[in-house]
C-alpha cells in the first residue's frame, strides 16, 4: 500500500516535470502560472501537514522544513517572474 502511494506520487512528479519543461522551452509566458502552481501545491502540502501531523516521537520529517523553504522561494520567484513580464 505504501509503495503504491509513493509510486503514484513519483508518477505525478514526472508528469509535472514534463509540463514544467514544456512551459520553459515552448511557452515562457506561462512561467508565472507554473510558479503560482508550485506555490499553491506547497501551501496545500503545508496545510495537510498542519491538519494531520505525523507522529514521529517529537521529531519532524525533513520535508517539514523543505516545504516552508519552497513556499518562500516559490513566492519570491513568482513575484520576480511577474515583474519581468
N, C-alpha and C. Protein backbone atom coordinates (compact mmCIF):
# COMPACT_ATOMS: atom_id res chain seq x y z
N UNK A 1 0.83 -1.19 0.00
CA UNK A 1 0.00 0.00 0.00
C UNK A 1 0.87 1.25 0.00
N UNK A 2 1.84 1.32 0.90
CA UNK A 2 2.71 2.49 0.99
C UNK A 2 3.54 2.64 -0.28
N UNK A 3 4.03 1.53 -0.80
CA UNK A 3 4.83 1.56 -2.02
C UNK A 3 3.98 2.08 -3.18
N UNK A 4 2.73 1.67 -3.25
CA UNK A 4 1.84 2.12 -4.33
C UNK A 4 1.59 3.62 -4.24
N UNK A 5 1.42 4.14 -3.04
CA UNK A 5 1.19 5.58 -2.86
C UNK A 5 2.41 6.36 -3.32
N UNK A 6 3.61 5.91 -2.93
CA UNK A 6 4.82 6.61 -3.34
C UNK A 6 5.05 6.48 -4.85
N UNK A 7 4.68 5.36 -5.44
CA UNK A 7 4.81 5.19 -6.89
C UNK A 7 3.89 6.16 -7.62
N UNK A 8 2.68 6.33 -7.13
CA UNK A 8 1.76 7.28 -7.75
C UNK A 8 2.26 8.71 -7.58
N UNK A 9 2.81 9.02 -6.42
CA UNK A 9 3.35 10.35 -6.17
C UNK A 9 4.52 10.63 -7.12
N UNK A 10 5.38 9.64 -7.30
CA UNK A 10 6.51 9.78 -8.22
C UNK A 10 6.06 9.97 -9.65
N UNK A 11 5.02 9.23 -10.06
CA UNK A 11 4.49 9.39 -11.41
C UNK A 11 3.92 10.80 -11.59
N UNK A 12 3.26 11.30 -10.57
CA UNK A 12 2.72 12.66 -10.62
C UNK A 12 3.85 13.68 -10.77
N UNK A 13 4.95 13.48 -10.07
CA UNK A 13 6.08 14.40 -10.16
C UNK A 13 6.71 14.35 -11.56
N UNK A 14 6.77 13.18 -12.16
CA UNK A 14 7.31 13.07 -13.52
C UNK A 14 6.45 13.82 -14.53
N UNK A 15 5.14 13.69 -14.41
CA UNK A 15 4.24 14.41 -15.31
C UNK A 15 4.39 15.91 -15.11
N UNK A 16 4.46 16.36 -13.87
CA UNK A 16 4.62 17.78 -13.59
C UNK A 16 5.95 18.30 -14.13
N UNK A 17 7.01 17.51 -14.04
CA UNK A 17 8.31 17.92 -14.58
C UNK A 17 8.25 18.07 -16.10
N UNK A 18 7.56 17.17 -16.79
CA UNK A 18 7.42 17.28 -18.24
C UNK A 18 6.65 18.55 -18.60
N UNK A 19 5.59 18.83 -17.87
CA UNK A 19 4.81 20.04 -18.12
C UNK A 19 5.66 21.29 -17.87
N UNK A 20 6.43 21.29 -16.79
CA UNK A 20 7.27 22.44 -16.48
C UNK A 20 8.33 22.67 -17.55
N UNK A 21 8.96 21.62 -18.03
CA UNK A 21 9.96 21.78 -19.10
C UNK A 21 9.31 22.25 -20.39
N UNK A 22 8.11 21.78 -20.66
CA UNK A 22 7.39 22.24 -21.85
C UNK A 22 7.11 23.74 -21.75
N UNK A 23 6.69 24.19 -20.58
CA UNK A 23 6.44 25.61 -20.38
C UNK A 23 7.73 26.42 -20.53
N UNK A 24 8.81 25.95 -19.94
CA UNK A 24 10.08 26.68 -20.01
C UNK A 24 10.56 26.80 -21.46
N UNK A 25 10.49 25.70 -22.20
CA UNK A 25 11.05 25.69 -23.54
C UNK A 25 10.11 26.23 -24.62
N UNK A 26 8.81 26.01 -24.46
CA UNK A 26 7.89 26.34 -25.54
C UNK A 26 6.97 27.52 -25.23
N UNK A 27 6.58 27.68 -23.96
CA UNK A 27 5.60 28.71 -23.58
C UNK A 27 6.12 29.54 -22.40
N UNK A 28 7.16 30.33 -22.58
CA UNK A 28 7.74 31.08 -21.46
C UNK A 28 6.78 32.07 -20.82
N UNK A 29 5.75 32.49 -21.51
CA UNK A 29 4.78 33.42 -20.91
C UNK A 29 3.99 32.76 -19.78
N UNK A 30 4.00 31.43 -19.73
CA UNK A 30 3.27 30.71 -18.68
C UNK A 30 4.13 30.41 -17.44
N UNK A 31 5.36 30.88 -17.42
CA UNK A 31 6.23 30.62 -16.27
C UNK A 31 5.62 31.15 -14.97
N UNK A 32 5.04 32.37 -14.93
CA UNK A 32 4.40 32.81 -13.68
C UNK A 32 3.28 31.87 -13.22
N UNK A 33 2.54 31.32 -14.17
CA UNK A 33 1.47 30.37 -13.80
C UNK A 33 2.06 29.11 -13.17
N UNK A 34 3.21 28.67 -13.66
CA UNK A 34 3.85 27.48 -13.08
C UNK A 34 4.35 27.77 -11.67
N UNK A 35 4.89 28.99 -11.45
CA UNK A 35 5.32 29.34 -10.10
C UNK A 35 4.12 29.45 -9.16
N UNK A 36 3.00 29.97 -9.67
CA UNK A 36 1.79 30.04 -8.86
C UNK A 36 1.31 28.63 -8.51
N UNK A 37 1.38 27.72 -9.46
CA UNK A 37 1.00 26.33 -9.20
C UNK A 37 1.92 25.70 -8.16
N UNK A 38 3.22 25.95 -8.26
CA UNK A 38 4.17 25.42 -7.27
C UNK A 38 3.88 25.99 -5.89
N UNK A 39 3.52 27.27 -5.83
CA UNK A 39 3.21 27.90 -4.54
C UNK A 39 1.95 27.30 -3.93
N UNK A 40 0.91 27.13 -4.73
CA UNK A 40 -0.33 26.54 -4.23
C UNK A 40 -0.10 25.11 -3.76
N UNK A 41 0.68 24.35 -4.51
CA UNK A 41 0.96 22.96 -4.13
C UNK A 41 1.71 22.90 -2.80
N UNK A 42 2.69 23.78 -2.61
CA UNK A 42 3.44 23.80 -1.35
C UNK A 42 2.56 24.25 -0.19
N UNK A 43 1.70 25.24 -0.44
CA UNK A 43 0.78 25.69 0.62
C UNK A 43 -0.19 24.58 1.02
N UNK A 44 -0.69 23.85 0.05
CA UNK A 44 -1.60 22.74 0.37
C UNK A 44 -0.87 21.62 1.11
N UNK A 45 0.39 21.37 0.75
CA UNK A 45 1.16 20.36 1.47
C UNK A 45 1.40 20.78 2.92
N UNK A 46 1.68 22.09 3.11
CA UNK A 46 1.86 22.61 4.47
C UNK A 46 0.55 22.50 5.26
N UNK A 47 -0.57 22.82 4.62
CA UNK A 47 -1.87 22.71 5.28
C UNK A 47 -2.16 21.26 5.67
N UNK A 48 -1.87 20.33 4.78
CA UNK A 48 -2.10 18.92 5.09
C UNK A 48 -1.24 18.47 6.27
N UNK A 49 -0.01 18.94 6.33
CA UNK A 49 0.86 18.60 7.46
C UNK A 49 0.39 19.23 8.75
N UNK A 50 -0.24 20.39 8.66
CA UNK A 50 -0.74 21.05 9.85
C UNK A 50 -2.02 20.37 10.35
N UNK A 51 -2.90 19.98 9.41
CA UNK A 51 -4.15 19.34 9.78
C UNK A 51 -3.96 17.91 10.26
N UNK A 52 -3.00 17.22 9.68
CA UNK A 52 -2.76 15.81 10.03
C UNK A 52 -1.26 15.59 10.21
N UNK A 53 -0.70 16.05 11.33
CA UNK A 53 0.75 15.93 11.52
C UNK A 53 1.18 14.47 11.74
N UNK A 54 2.40 14.19 11.30
CA UNK A 54 2.98 12.87 11.53
C UNK A 54 3.49 12.79 12.96
N UNK A 55 3.23 11.68 13.60
CA UNK A 55 3.71 11.47 14.96
C UNK A 55 4.97 10.61 14.90
N UNK A 56 6.12 11.27 15.05
CA UNK A 56 7.40 10.56 14.97
C UNK A 56 8.20 10.72 16.26
N UNK A 57 7.54 10.72 17.36
CA UNK A 57 8.23 10.83 18.64
C UNK A 57 8.81 12.20 18.88
N UNK A 58 8.13 13.24 18.47
CA UNK A 58 8.61 14.59 18.71
C UNK A 58 9.50 15.16 17.63
N UNK A 59 9.86 14.36 16.65
CA UNK A 59 10.71 14.83 15.55
C UNK A 59 9.85 15.13 14.33
N UNK A 60 10.22 16.15 13.60
CA UNK A 60 9.53 16.48 12.36
C UNK A 60 10.27 15.83 11.19
N UNK A 61 9.53 15.39 10.18
CA UNK A 61 10.20 14.85 9.00
C UNK A 61 10.94 15.96 8.27
N UNK A 62 12.00 15.63 7.52
CA UNK A 62 12.79 16.66 6.84
C UNK A 62 11.96 17.51 5.88
N UNK A 63 10.92 16.95 5.31
CA UNK A 63 10.09 17.70 4.39
C UNK A 63 9.37 18.87 5.03
N UNK A 64 9.20 18.84 6.35
CA UNK A 64 8.51 19.94 7.03
C UNK A 64 9.28 21.25 6.85
N UNK A 65 10.58 21.19 6.94
CA UNK A 65 11.40 22.40 6.76
C UNK A 65 11.53 22.74 5.27
N UNK A 66 11.62 21.73 4.43
CA UNK A 66 11.74 21.96 2.99
C UNK A 66 10.50 22.61 2.40
N UNK A 67 9.33 22.26 2.92
CA UNK A 67 8.09 22.84 2.42
C UNK A 67 8.04 24.34 2.73
N UNK A 68 8.47 24.72 3.92
CA UNK A 68 8.49 26.14 4.28
C UNK A 68 9.45 26.91 3.37
N UNK A 69 10.58 26.33 3.07
CA UNK A 69 11.53 26.95 2.16
C UNK A 69 10.96 27.05 0.76
N UNK A 70 10.27 26.01 0.32
CA UNK A 70 9.66 26.02 -1.01
C UNK A 70 8.58 27.10 -1.11
N UNK A 71 7.82 27.32 -0.05
CA UNK A 71 6.80 28.37 -0.07
C UNK A 71 7.45 29.73 -0.27
N UNK A 72 8.50 30.00 0.48
CA UNK A 72 9.19 31.29 0.37
C UNK A 72 9.80 31.45 -1.02
N UNK A 73 10.49 30.42 -1.51
CA UNK A 73 11.15 30.52 -2.81
C UNK A 73 10.14 30.64 -3.95
N UNK A 74 9.06 29.88 -3.88
CA UNK A 74 8.05 29.96 -4.95
C UNK A 74 7.39 31.33 -4.97
N UNK A 75 7.11 31.89 -3.80
CA UNK A 75 6.51 33.23 -3.75
C UNK A 75 7.47 34.27 -4.29
N UNK A 76 8.74 34.16 -3.92
CA UNK A 76 9.75 35.11 -4.40
C UNK A 76 9.90 35.00 -5.93
N UNK A 77 10.02 33.79 -6.44
CA UNK A 77 10.20 33.61 -7.88
C UNK A 77 8.93 33.96 -8.66
N UNK A 78 7.77 33.77 -8.06
CA UNK A 78 6.53 34.22 -8.71
C UNK A 78 6.54 35.74 -8.85
N UNK A 79 6.93 36.44 -7.79
CA UNK A 79 6.98 37.90 -7.84
C UNK A 79 7.99 38.37 -8.89
N UNK A 80 9.16 37.73 -8.94
CA UNK A 80 10.18 38.11 -9.92
C UNK A 80 9.68 37.84 -11.34
N UNK A 81 9.04 36.69 -11.54
CA UNK A 81 8.56 36.36 -12.89
C UNK A 81 7.44 37.29 -13.32
N UNK A 82 6.62 37.75 -12.40
CA UNK A 82 5.56 38.71 -12.76
C UNK A 82 6.12 40.08 -13.11
N UNK A 83 7.21 40.47 -12.46
CA UNK A 83 7.84 41.75 -12.77
C UNK A 83 8.50 41.74 -14.14
N UNK A 84 8.99 40.58 -14.57
CA UNK A 84 9.71 40.52 -15.84
C UNK A 84 8.77 40.53 -17.05
N UNK A 85 7.47 40.34 -16.82
CA UNK A 85 6.53 40.34 -17.95
C UNK A 85 5.82 41.63 -18.04
